[in-house]
Amino acid sequence: MFRISQLARTTASRGVRSYSASVETWRKISLFVAVPSVVIFSYVATKEELDHIHHLEHDPPKFVAYPYLRIRRRKFPYGDGDHTPFSNPLVNPDPED
């Protein structure tokens, strides 16, 4: 007669072998697919961003005076009072005053 303890041991030993194979498979996928993908996409994204910055340096955006822009009821409490900490002179043009 097959005992429950023998069944549990047999099932557990099968599970350990299949889990170890699965772990090894995902380890290989991580090392040989995920890591090179991250490196390649990081290179592409960095190249595109540097091209964009180069374009902005040579052809900066022009300021358009829309009536709803630059409404200031009081000055900002930092810096010169007119720019936020996130303003970037390369992409946020100032008026031509």
PDB file of N, CA and C in Angstrom:
ATOM      1  N   MET A   1       0.842  -1.181   0.000  1.00  0.00           N
ATOM      2  CA  MET A   1       0.000   0.000   0.000  1.00  0.00           C
ATOM      3  C   MET A   1       0.889   1.246   0.000  1.00  0.00           C
ATOM      4  N   PHE A   2       0.500   2.219  -0.818  1.00  0.00           N
ATOM      5  CA  PHE A   2       1.255   3.455  -0.961  1.00  0.00           C
ATOM      6  C   PHE A   2       0.866   4.404   0.159  1.00  0.00           C
ATOM      7  N   ARG A   3       1.817   4.831   0.939  1.00  0.00           N
ATOM      8  CA  ARG A   3       1.512   5.696   2.080  1.00  0.00           C
ATOM      9  C   ARG A   3       1.532   7.160   1.669  1.00  0.00           C
ATOM     10  N   ILE A   4       0.840   7.972   2.445  1.00  0.00           N
ATOM     11  CA  ILE A   4       0.759   9.417   2.155  1.00  0.00           C
ATOM     12  C   ILE A   4       2.130  10.066   2.330  1.00  0.00           C
ATOM     13  N   SER A   5       2.912   9.635   3.295  1.00  0.00           N
ATOM     14  CA  SER A   5       4.242  10.223   3.491  1.00  0.00           C
ATOM     15  C   SER A   5       5.138   9.949   2.289  1.00  0.00           C
ATOM     16  N   GLN A   6       5.026   8.755   1.700  1.00  0.00           N
ATOM     17  CA  GLN A   6       5.805   8.457   0.510  1.00  0.00           C
ATOM     18  C   GLN A   6       5.349   9.328  -0.653  1.00  0.00           C
ATOM     19  N   LEU A   7       4.053   9.545  -0.773  1.00  0.00           N
ATOM     20  CA  LEU A   7       3.514  10.399  -1.831  1.00  0.00           C
ATOM     21  C   LEU A   7       4.007  11.837  -1.669  1.00  0.00           C
ATOM     22  N   ALA A   8       4.011  12.304  -0.421  1.00  0.00           N
ATOM     23  CA  ALA A   8       4.480  13.667  -0.163  1.00  0.00           C
ATOM     24  C   ALA A   8       5.958  13.805  -0.506  1.00  0.00           C
ATOM     25  N   ARG A   9       6.761  12.828  -0.139  1.00  0.00           N
ATOM     26  CA  ARG A   9       8.191  12.894  -0.455  1.00  0.00           C
ATOM     27  C   ARG A   9       8.423  12.842  -1.961  1.00  0.00           C
ATOM     28  N   THR A  10       7.712  12.001  -2.647  1.00  0.00           N
ATOM     29  CA  THR A  10       7.876  11.883  -4.094  1.00  0.00           C
ATOM     30  C   THR A  10       7.467  13.176  -4.791  1.00  0.00           C
ATOM     31  N   THR A  11       6.348  13.737  -4.376  1.00  0.00           N
ATOM     32  CA  THR A  11       5.871  14.990  -4.979  1.00  0.00           C
ATOM     33  C   THR A  11       6.836  16.131  -4.685  1.00  0.00           C
ATOM     34  N   ALA A  12       7.332  16.178  -3.456  1.00  0.00           N
ATOM     35  CA  ALA A  12       8.259  17.246  -3.083  1.00  0.00           C
ATOM     36  C   ALA A  12       9.564  17.133  -3.869  1.00  0.00           C
ATOM     37  N   SER A  13      10.061  15.937  -4.030  1.00  0.00           N
ATOM     38  CA  SER A  13      11.320  15.792  -4.754  1.00  0.00           C
ATOM     39  C   SER A  13      11.149  16.152  -6.232  1.00  0.00           C
ATOM     40  N   ARG A  14      10.012  15.861  -6.812  1.00  0.00           N
ATOM     41  CA  ARG A  14       9.746  16.259  -8.205  1.00  0.00           C
ATOM     42  C   ARG A  14       9.664  17.777  -8.312  1.00  0.00           C
ATOM     43  N   GLY A  15       9.017  18.403  -7.337  1.00  0.00           N
ATOM     44  CA  GLY A  15       8.872  19.859  -7.376  1.00  0.00           C
ATOM     45  C   GLY A  15      10.197  20.575  -7.264  1.00  0.00           C
ATOM     46  N   VAL A  16      11.096  20.062  -6.454  1.00  0.00           N
ATOM     47  CA  VAL A  16      12.398  20.692  -6.283  1.00  0.00           C
ATOM     48  C   VAL A  16      13.172  20.648  -7.590  1.00  0.00           C
ATOM     49  N   ARG A  17      13.135  19.525  -8.269  1.00  0.00           N
ATOM     50  CA  ARG A  17      13.846  19.427  -9.543  1.00  0.00           C
ATOM     51  C   ARG A  17      13.259  20.373 -10.585  1.00  0.00           C
ATOM     52  N   SER A  18      11.956  20.469 -10.684  1.00  0.00           N
ATOM     53  CA  SER A  18      11.358  21.343 -11.689  1.00  0.00           C
ATOM     54  C   SER A  18      11.583  22.809 -11.330  1.00  0.00           C
ATOM     55  N   TYR A  19      11.598  23.134 -10.030  1.00  0.00           N
ATOM     56  CA  TYR A  19      11.854  24.514  -9.640  1.00  0.00           C
ATOM     57  C   TYR A  19      13.291  24.914  -9.935  1.00  0.00           C
ATOM     58  N   SER A  20      14.206  24.023  -9.702  1.00  0.00           N
ATOM     59  CA  SER A  20      15.605  24.363  -9.965  1.00  0.00           C
ATOM     60  C   SER A  20      15.826  24.568 -11.464  1.00  0.00           C
ATOM     61  N   ALA A  21      15.169  23.774 -12.279  1.00  0.00           N
ATOM     62  CA  ALA A  21      15.287  23.965 -13.730  1.00  0.00           C
ATOM     63  C   ALA A  21      14.667  25.294 -14.144  1.00  0.00           C
ATOM     64  N   SER A  22      13.545  25.617 -13.537  1.00  0.00           N
ATOM     65  CA  SER A  22      12.888  26.883 -13.844  1.00  0.00           C
ATOM     66  C   SER A  22      13.739  28.069 -13.408  1.00  0.00           C
ATOM     67  N   VAL A  23      14.335  27.966 -12.236  1.00  0.00           N
ATOM     68  CA  VAL A  23      15.216  29.035 -11.746  1.00  0.00           C
ATOM     69  C   VAL A  23      16.387  29.222 -12.694  1.00  0.00           C
ATOM     70  N   GLU A  24      16.969  28.143 -13.143  1.00  0.00           N
ATOM     71  CA  GLU A  24      18.104  28.226 -14.063  1.00  0.00           C
ATOM     72  C   GLU A  24      17.684  28.844 -15.401  1.00  0.00           C
ATOM     73  N   THR A  25      16.493  28.491 -15.875  1.00  0.00           N
ATOM     74  CA  THR A  25      15.997  29.066 -17.123  1.00  0.00           C
ATOM     75  C   THR A  25      15.821  30.576 -16.994  1.00  0.00           C
ATOM     76  N   TRP A  26      15.197  31.024 -15.908  1.00  0.00           N
ATOM     77  CA  TRP A  26      14.982  32.463 -15.729  1.00  0.00           C
ATOM     78  C   TRP A  26      16.289  33.200 -15.467  1.00  0.00           C
ATOM     79  N   ARG A  27      17.255  32.535 -14.853  1.00  0.00           N
ATOM     80  CA  ARG A  27      18.566  33.145 -14.660  1.00  0.00           C
ATOM     81  C   ARG A  27      19.227  33.399 -16.014  1.00  0.00           C
ATOM     82  N   LYS A  28      19.145  32.423 -16.898  1.00  0.00           N
ATOM     83  CA  LYS A  28      19.731  32.584 -18.233  1.00  0.00           C
ATOM     84  C   LYS A  28      19.005  33.665 -19.031  1.00  0.00           C
ATOM     85  N   ILE A  29      17.674  33.692 -18.925  1.00  0.00           N
ATOM     86  CA  ILE A  29      16.905  34.731 -19.623  1.00  0.00           C
ATOM     87  C   ILE A  29      17.307  36.108 -19.113  1.00  0.00           C
ATOM     88  N   SER A  30      17.466  36.237 -17.799  1.00  0.00           N
ATOM     89  CA  SER A  30      17.857  37.524 -17.228  1.00  0.00           C
ATOM     90  C   SER A  30      19.231  37.956 -17.707  1.00  0.00           C
ATOM     91  N   LEU A  31      20.166  37.026 -17.707  1.00  0.00           N
ATOM     92  CA  LEU A  31      21.534  37.380 -18.080  1.00  0.00           C
ATOM     93  C   LEU A  31      21.712  37.611 -19.569  1.00  0.00           C
ATOM     94  N   PHE A  32      21.074  36.796 -20.392  1.00  0.00           N
ATOM     95  CA  PHE A  32      21.348  36.854 -21.828  1.00  0.00           C
ATOM     96  C   PHE A  32      20.303  37.606 -22.647  1.00  0.00           C
ATOM     97  N   VAL A  33      19.177  37.956 -22.046  1.00  0.00           N
ATOM     98  CA  VAL A  33      18.145  38.718 -22.764  1.00  0.00           C
ATOM     99  C   VAL A  33      17.907  40.062 -22.084  1.00  0.00           C
ATOM    100  N   ALA A  34      17.627  40.055 -20.798  1.00  0.00           N
ATOM    101  CA  ALA A  34      17.237  41.286 -20.110  1.00  0.00           C
ATOM    102  C   ALA A  34      18.398  42.280 -19.993  1.00  0.00           C
ATOM    103  N   VAL A  35      19.542  41.834 -19.553  1.00  0.00           N
ATOM    104  CA  VAL A  35      20.672  42.745 -19.366  1.00  0.00           C
ATOM    105  C   VAL A  35      21.126  43.356 -20.695  1.00  0.00           C
ATOM    106  N   PRO A  36      21.332  42.580 -21.758  1.00  0.00           N
ATOM    107  CA  PRO A  36      21.686  43.219 -23.033  1.00  0.00           C
ATOM    108  C   PRO A  36      20.595  44.163 -23.558  1.00  0.00           C
ATOM    109  N   SER A  37      19.323  43.821 -23.321  1.00  0.00           N
ATOM    110  CA  SER A  37      18.243  44.709 -23.755  1.00  0.00           C
ATOM    111  C   SER A  37      18.306  46.044 -23.034  1.00  0.00           C
ATOM    112  N   VAL A  38      18.556  46.010 -21.749  1.00  0.00           N
ATOM    113  CA  VAL A  38      18.669  47.257 -20.979  1.00  0.00           C
ATOM    114  C   VAL A  38      19.842  48.087 -21.485  1.00  0.00           C
ATOM    115  N   VAL A  39      20.954  47.454 -21.747  1.00  0.00           N
ATOM    116  CA  VAL A  39      22.131  48.177 -22.239  1.00  0.00           C
ATOM    117  C   VAL A  39      21.848  48.799 -23.601  1.00  0.00           C
ATOM    118  N   ILE A  40      21.252  48.050 -24.507  1.00  0.00           N
ATOM    119  CA  ILE A  40      20.961  48.561 -25.850  1.00  0.00           C
ATOM    120  C   ILE A  40      19.973  49.712 -25.799  1.00  0.00           C
ATOM    121  N   PHE A  41      18.884  49.548 -25.059  1.00  0.00           N
ATOM    122  CA  PHE A  41      17.881  50.612 -24.993  1.00  0.00           C
ATOM    123  C   PHE A  41      18.400  51.833 -24.241  1.00  0.00           C
ATOM    124  N   SER A  42      19.283  51.641 -23.279  1.00  0.00           N
ATOM    125  CA  SER A  42      19.901  52.788 -22.600  1.00  0.00           C
ATOM    126  C   SER A  42      20.772  53.576 -23.568  1.00  0.00           C
ATOM    127  N   TYR A  43      21.518  52.882 -24.387  1.00  0.00           N
ATOM    128  CA  TYR A  43      22.339  53.557 -25.391  1.00  0.00           C
ATOM    129  C   TYR A  43      21.476  54.345 -26.375  1.00  0.00           C
ATOM    130  N   VAL A  44      20.417  53.733 -26.865  1.00  0.00           N
ATOM    131  CA  VAL A  44      19.539  54.404 -27.829  1.00  0.00           C
ATOM    132  C   VAL A  44      18.879  55.630 -27.196  1.00  0.00           C
ATOM    133  N   ALA A  45      18.388  55.490 -25.975  1.00  0.00           N
ATOM    134  CA  ALA A  45      17.722  56.613 -25.307  1.00  0.00           C
ATOM    135  C   ALA A  45      18.698  57.746 -25.045  1.00  0.00           C
ATOM    136  N   THR A  46      19.918  57.433 -24.632  1.00  0.00           N
ATOM    137  CA  THR A  46      20.921  58.467 -24.379  1.00  0.00           C
ATOM    138  C   THR A  46      21.293  59.180 -25.666  1.00  0.00           C
ATOM    139  N   LYS A  47      21.456  58.440 -26.748  1.00  0.00           N
ATOM    140  CA  LYS A  47      21.791  59.055 -28.041  1.00  0.00           C
ATOM    141  C   LYS A  47      20.680  59.988 -28.496  1.00  0.00           C
ATOM    142  N   GLU A  48      19.430  59.551 -28.369  1.00  0.00           N
ATOM    143  CA  GLU A  48      18.300  60.401 -28.774  1.00  0.00           C
ATOM    144  C   GLU A  48      18.227  61.670 -27.922  1.00  0.00           C
ATOM    145  N   GLU A  49      18.449  61.543 -26.626  1.00  0.00           N
ATOM    146  CA  GLU A  49      18.396  62.708 -25.746  1.00  0.00           C
ATOM    147  C   GLU A  49      19.509  63.694 -26.065  1.00  0.00           C
ATOM    148  N   LEU A  50      20.706  63.194 -26.348  1.00  0.00           N
ATOM    149  CA  LEU A  50      21.807  64.088 -26.706  1.00  0.00           C
ATOM    150  C   LEU A  50      21.548  64.774 -28.043  1.00  0.00           C
ATOM    151  N   ASP A  51      20.947  64.076 -28.994  1.00  0.00           N
ATOM    152  CA  ASP A  51      20.575  64.704 -30.265  1.00  0.00           C
ATOM    153  C   ASP A  51      19.537  65.798 -30.039  1.00  0.00           C
ATOM    154  N   HIS A  52      18.591  65.552 -29.148  1.00  0.00           N
ATOM    155  CA  HIS A  52      17.560  66.542 -28.856  1.00  0.00           C
ATOM    156  C   HIS A  52      18.166  67.790 -28.206  1.00  0.00           C
ATOM    157  N   ILE A  53      19.087  67.594 -27.271  1.00  0.00           N
ATOM    158  CA  ILE A  53      19.750  68.733 -26.619  1.00  0.00           C
ATOM    159  C   ILE A  53      20.568  69.513 -27.642  1.00  0.00           C
ATOM    160  N   HIS A  54      21.262  68.821 -28.529  1.00  0.00           N
ATOM    161  CA  HIS A  54      22.042  69.481 -29.578  1.00  0.00           C
ATOM    162  C   HIS A  54      21.119  70.316 -30.470  1.00  0.00           C
ATOM    163  N   HIS A  55      19.960  69.791 -30.816  1.00  0.00           N
ATOM    164  CA  HIS A  55      18.998  70.524 -31.639  1.00  0.00           C
ATOM    165  C   HIS A  55      18.505  71.776 -30.910  1.00  0.00           C
ATOM    166  N   LEU A  56      18.210  71.656 -29.619  1.00  0.00           N
ATOM    167  CA  LEU A  56      17.722  72.811 -28.860  1.00  0.00           C
ATOM    168  C   LEU A  56      18.776  73.896 -28.726  1.00  0.00           C
ATOM    169  N   GLU A  57      20.052  73.517 -28.649  1.00  0.00           N
ATOM    170  CA  GLU A  57      21.111  74.512 -28.548  1.00  0.00           C
ATOM    171  C   GLU A  57      21.235  75.321 -29.830  1.00  0.00           C
ATOM    172  N   HIS A  58      21.012  74.687 -30.981  1.00  0.00           N
ATOM    173  CA  HIS A  58      21.170  75.386 -32.255  1.00  0.00           C
ATOM    174  C   HIS A  58      19.887  76.037 -32.748  1.00  0.00           C
ATOM    175  N   ASP A  59      18.751  75.556 -32.314  1.00  0.00           N
ATOM    176  CA  ASP A  59      17.466  76.130 -32.740  1.00  0.00           C
ATOM    177  C   ASP A  59      16.532  76.206 -31.528  1.00  0.00           C
ATOM    178  N   PRO A  60      16.767  77.180 -30.630  1.00  0.00           N
ATOM    179  CA  PRO A  60      15.959  77.244 -29.409  1.00  0.00           C
ATOM    180  C   PRO A  60      14.507  77.617 -29.720  1.00  0.00           C
ATOM    181  N   PRO A  61      13.575  77.214 -28.858  1.00  0.00           N
ATOM    182  CA  PRO A  61      12.172  77.561 -29.092  1.00  0.00           C
ATOM    183  C   PRO A  61      11.947  79.058 -28.907  1.00  0.00           C
ATOM    184  N   LYS A  62      11.020  79.604 -29.652  1.00  0.00           N
ATOM    185  CA  LYS A  62      10.696  81.028 -29.571  1.00  0.00           C
ATOM    186  C   LYS A  62       9.602  81.236 -28.530  1.00  0.00           C
ATOM    187  N   PHE A  63       9.662  82.365 -27.829  1.00  0.00           N
ATOM    188  CA  PHE A  63       8.647  82.683 -26.829  1.00  0.00           C
ATOM    189  C   PHE A  63       7.390  83.184 -27.530  1.00  0.00           C
ATOM    190  N   VAL A  64       6.246  82.623 -27.161  1.00  0.00           N
ATOM    191  CA  VAL A  64       4.956  83.065 -27.673  1.00  0.00           C
ATOM    192  C   VAL A  64       4.180  83.624 -26.491  1.00  0.00           C
ATOM    193  N   ALA A  65       3.763  84.873 -26.580  1.00  0.00           N
ATOM    194  CA  ALA A  65       3.122  85.552 -25.445  1.00  0.00           C
ATOM    195  C   ALA A  65       1.623  85.263 -25.413  1.00  0.00           C
ATOM    196  N   TYR A  66       1.256  84.081 -24.961  1.00  0.00           N
ATOM    197  CA  TYR A  66      -0.152  83.762 -24.767  1.00  0.00           C
ATOM    198  C   TYR A  66      -0.641  84.497 -23.520  1.00  0.00           C
ATOM    199  N   PRO A  67      -1.908  84.921 -23.481  1.00  0.00           N
ATOM    200  CA  PRO A  67      -2.376  85.718 -22.335  1.00  0.00           C
ATOM    201  C   PRO A  67      -2.425  84.940 -21.018  1.00  0.00           C
ATOM    202  N   TYR A  68      -2.474  83.633 -21.066  1.00  0.00           N
ATOM    203  CA  TYR A  68      -2.574  82.850 -19.839  1.00  0.00           C
ATOM    204  C   TYR A  68      -1.209  82.405 -19.308  1.00  0.00           C
ATOM    205  N   LEU A  69      -0.134  82.774 -19.986  1.00  0.00           N
ATOM    206  CA  LEU A  69       1.204  82.411 -19.528  1.00  0.00           C
ATOM    207  C   LEU A  69       1.792  83.512 -18.665  1.00  0.00           C
ATOM    208  N   ARG A  70       2.647  83.127 -17.760  1.00  0.00           N
ATOM    209  CA  ARG A  70       3.445  84.041 -16.938  1.00  0.00           C
ATOM    210  C   ARG A  70       2.590  84.990 -16.106  1.00  0.00           C
ATOM    211  N   ILE A  71       1.471  84.529 -15.587  1.00  0.00           N
ATOM    212  CA  ILE A  71       0.658  85.325 -14.671  1.00  0.00           C
ATOM    213  C   ILE A  71       1.290  85.176 -13.292  1.00  0.00           C
ATOM    214  N   ARG A  72       1.756  86.293 -12.722  1.00  0.00           N
ATOM    215  CA  ARG A  72       2.399  86.276 -11.409  1.00  0.00           C
ATOM    216  C   ARG A  72       1.654  87.228 -10.488  1.00  0.00           C
ATOM    217  N   ARG A  73       1.043  86.697  -9.421  1.00  0.00           N
ATOM    218  CA  ARG A  73       0.407  87.555  -8.425  1.00  0.00           C
ATOM    219  C   ARG A  73       1.422  87.982  -7.370  1.00  0.00           C
ATOM    220  N   ARG A  74       2.408  87.163  -7.153  1.00  0.00           N
ATOM    221  CA  ARG A  74       3.529  87.493  -6.270  1.00  0.00           C
ATOM    222  C   ARG A  74       4.754  86.719  -6.762  1.00  0.00           C
ATOM    223  N   LYS A  75       5.924  87.148  -6.331  1.00  0.00           N
ATOM    224  CA  LYS A  75       7.163  86.505  -6.779  1.00  0.00           C
ATOM    225  C   LYS A  75       7.339  85.163  -6.094  1.00  0.00           C
ATOM    226  N   PHE A  76       8.040  84.261  -6.774  1.00  0.00           N
ATOM    227  CA  PHE A  76       8.393  82.994  -6.161  1.00  0.00           C
ATOM    228  C   PHE A  76       9.362  83.250  -5.003  1.00  0.00           C
ATOM    229  N   PRO A  77       9.320  82.459  -3.934  1.00  0.00           N
ATOM    230  CA  PRO A  77      10.180  82.724  -2.775  1.00  0.00           C
ATOM    231  C   PRO A  77      11.628  82.230  -2.941  1.00  0.00           C
ATOM    232  N   TYR A  78      12.048  81.904  -4.137  1.00  0.00           N
ATOM    233  CA  TYR A  78      13.394  81.394  -4.344  1.00  0.00           C
ATOM    234  C   TYR A  78      13.948  81.968  -5.631  1.00  0.00           C
ATOM    235  N   GLY A  79      15.231  81.988  -5.725  1.00  0.00           N
ATOM    236  CA  GLY A  79      15.888  82.467  -6.936  1.00  0.00           C
ATOM    237  C   GLY A  79      15.594  83.920  -7.216  1.00  0.00           C
ATOM    238  N   ASP A  80      15.357  84.252  -8.479  1.00  0.00           N
ATOM    239  CA  ASP A  80      15.067  85.631  -8.856  1.00  0.00           C
ATOM    240  C   ASP A  80      13.592  85.976  -8.695  1.00  0.00           C
ATOM    241  N   GLY A  81      12.767  85.030  -8.287  1.00  0.00           N
ATOM    242  CA  GLY A  81      11.347  85.285  -8.064  1.00  0.00           C
ATOM    243  C   GLY A  81      10.491  85.132  -9.301  1.00  0.00           C
ATOM    244  N   ASP A  82      11.102  84.904 -10.447  1.00  0.00           N
ATOM    245  CA  ASP A  82      10.342  84.810 -11.698  1.00  0.00           C
ATOM    246  C   ASP A  82      10.397  83.417 -12.319  1.00  0.00           C
ATOM    247  N   HIS A  83      11.323  82.582 -11.865  1.00  0.00           N
ATOM    248  CA  HIS A  83      11.473  81.239 -12.433  1.00  0.00           C
ATOM    249  C   HIS A  83      11.261  80.186 -11.350  1.00  0.00           C
ATOM    250  N   THR A  84      10.659  79.070 -11.729  1.00  0.00           N
ATOM    251  CA  THR A  84      10.484  77.956 -10.800  1.00  0.00           C
ATOM    252  C   THR A  84      11.803  77.211 -10.666  1.00  0.00           C
ATOM    253  N   PRO A  85      11.944  76.324  -9.682  1.00  0.00           N
ATOM    254  CA  PRO A  85      13.179  75.556  -9.596  1.00  0.00           C
ATOM    255  C   PRO A  85      13.347  74.587 -10.772  1.00  0.00           C
ATOM    256  N   PHE A  86      12.262  74.328 -11.502  1.00  0.00           N
ATOM    257  CA  PHE A  86      12.316  73.376 -12.609  1.00  0.00           C
ATOM    258  C   PHE A  86      12.457  74.059 -13.961  1.00  0.00           C
ATOM    259  N   SER A  87      12.547  75.382 -13.987  1.00  0.00           N
ATOM    260  CA  SER A  87      12.652  76.052 -15.282  1.00  0.00           C
ATOM    261  C   SER A  87      14.024  75.780 -15.883  1.00  0.00           C
ATOM    262  N   ASN A  88      14.029  75.568 -17.173  1.00  0.00           N
ATOM    263  CA  ASN A  88      15.240  75.245 -17.901  1.00  0.00           C
ATOM    264  C   ASN A  88      15.366  76.273 -19.020  1.00  0.00           C
ATOM    265  N   PRO A  89      16.382  77.105 -18.990  1.00  0.00           N
ATOM    266  CA  PRO A  89      16.494  78.151 -20.013  1.00  0.00           C
ATOM    267  C   PRO A  89      16.650  77.595 -21.426  1.00  0.00           C
ATOM    268  N   LEU A  90      17.028  76.335 -21.534  1.00  0.00           N
ATOM    269  CA  LEU A  90      17.184  75.738 -22.854  1.00  0.00           C
ATOM    270  C   LEU A  90      15.833  75.444 -23.505  1.00  0.00           C
ATOM    271  N   VAL A  91      14.827  75.066 -22.712  1.00  0.00           N
ATOM    272  CA  VAL A  91      13.525  74.710 -23.281  1.00  0.00           C
ATOM    273  C   VAL A  91      12.394  75.635 -22.849  1.00  0.00           C
ATOM    274  N   ASN A  92      12.626  76.499 -21.856  1.00  0.00           N
ATOM    275  CA  ASN A  92      11.617  77.457 -21.416  1.00  0.00           C
ATOM    276  C   ASN A  92      12.100  78.867 -21.726  1.00  0.00           C
ATOM    277  N   PRO A  93      11.764  79.394 -22.891  1.00  0.00           N
ATOM    278  CA  PRO A  93      12.290  80.713 -23.269  1.00  0.00           C
ATOM    279  C   PRO A  93      11.662  81.828 -22.434  1.00  0.00           C
ATOM    280  N   ASP A  94      12.423  82.897 -22.228  1.00  0.00           N
ATOM    281  CA  ASP A  94      11.936  84.083 -21.535  1.00  0.00           C
ATOM    282  C   ASP A  94      11.398  85.070 -22.568  1.00  0.00           C
ATOM    283  N   PRO A  95      10.522  85.980 -22.138  1.00  0.00           N
ATOM    284  CA  PRO A  95      10.022  86.985 -23.092  1.00  0.00           C
ATOM    285  C   PRO A  95      11.145  87.899 -23.553  1.00  0.00           C
ATOM    286  N   GLU A  96      10.940  88.538 -24.647  1.00  0.00           N
ATOM    287  CA  GLU A  96      11.962  89.384 -25.268  1.00  0.00           C
ATOM    288  C   GLU A  96      12.015  90.786 -24.677  1.00  0.00           C
ATOM    289  N   ASP A  97      11.416  91.022 -23.507  1.00  0.00           N
ATOM    290  CA  ASP A  97      11.341  92.370 -22.917  1.00  0.00           C
ATOM    291  C   ASP A  97      12.666  93.020 -22.804  1.00  0.00           C
TER     292      ASP A  97
END
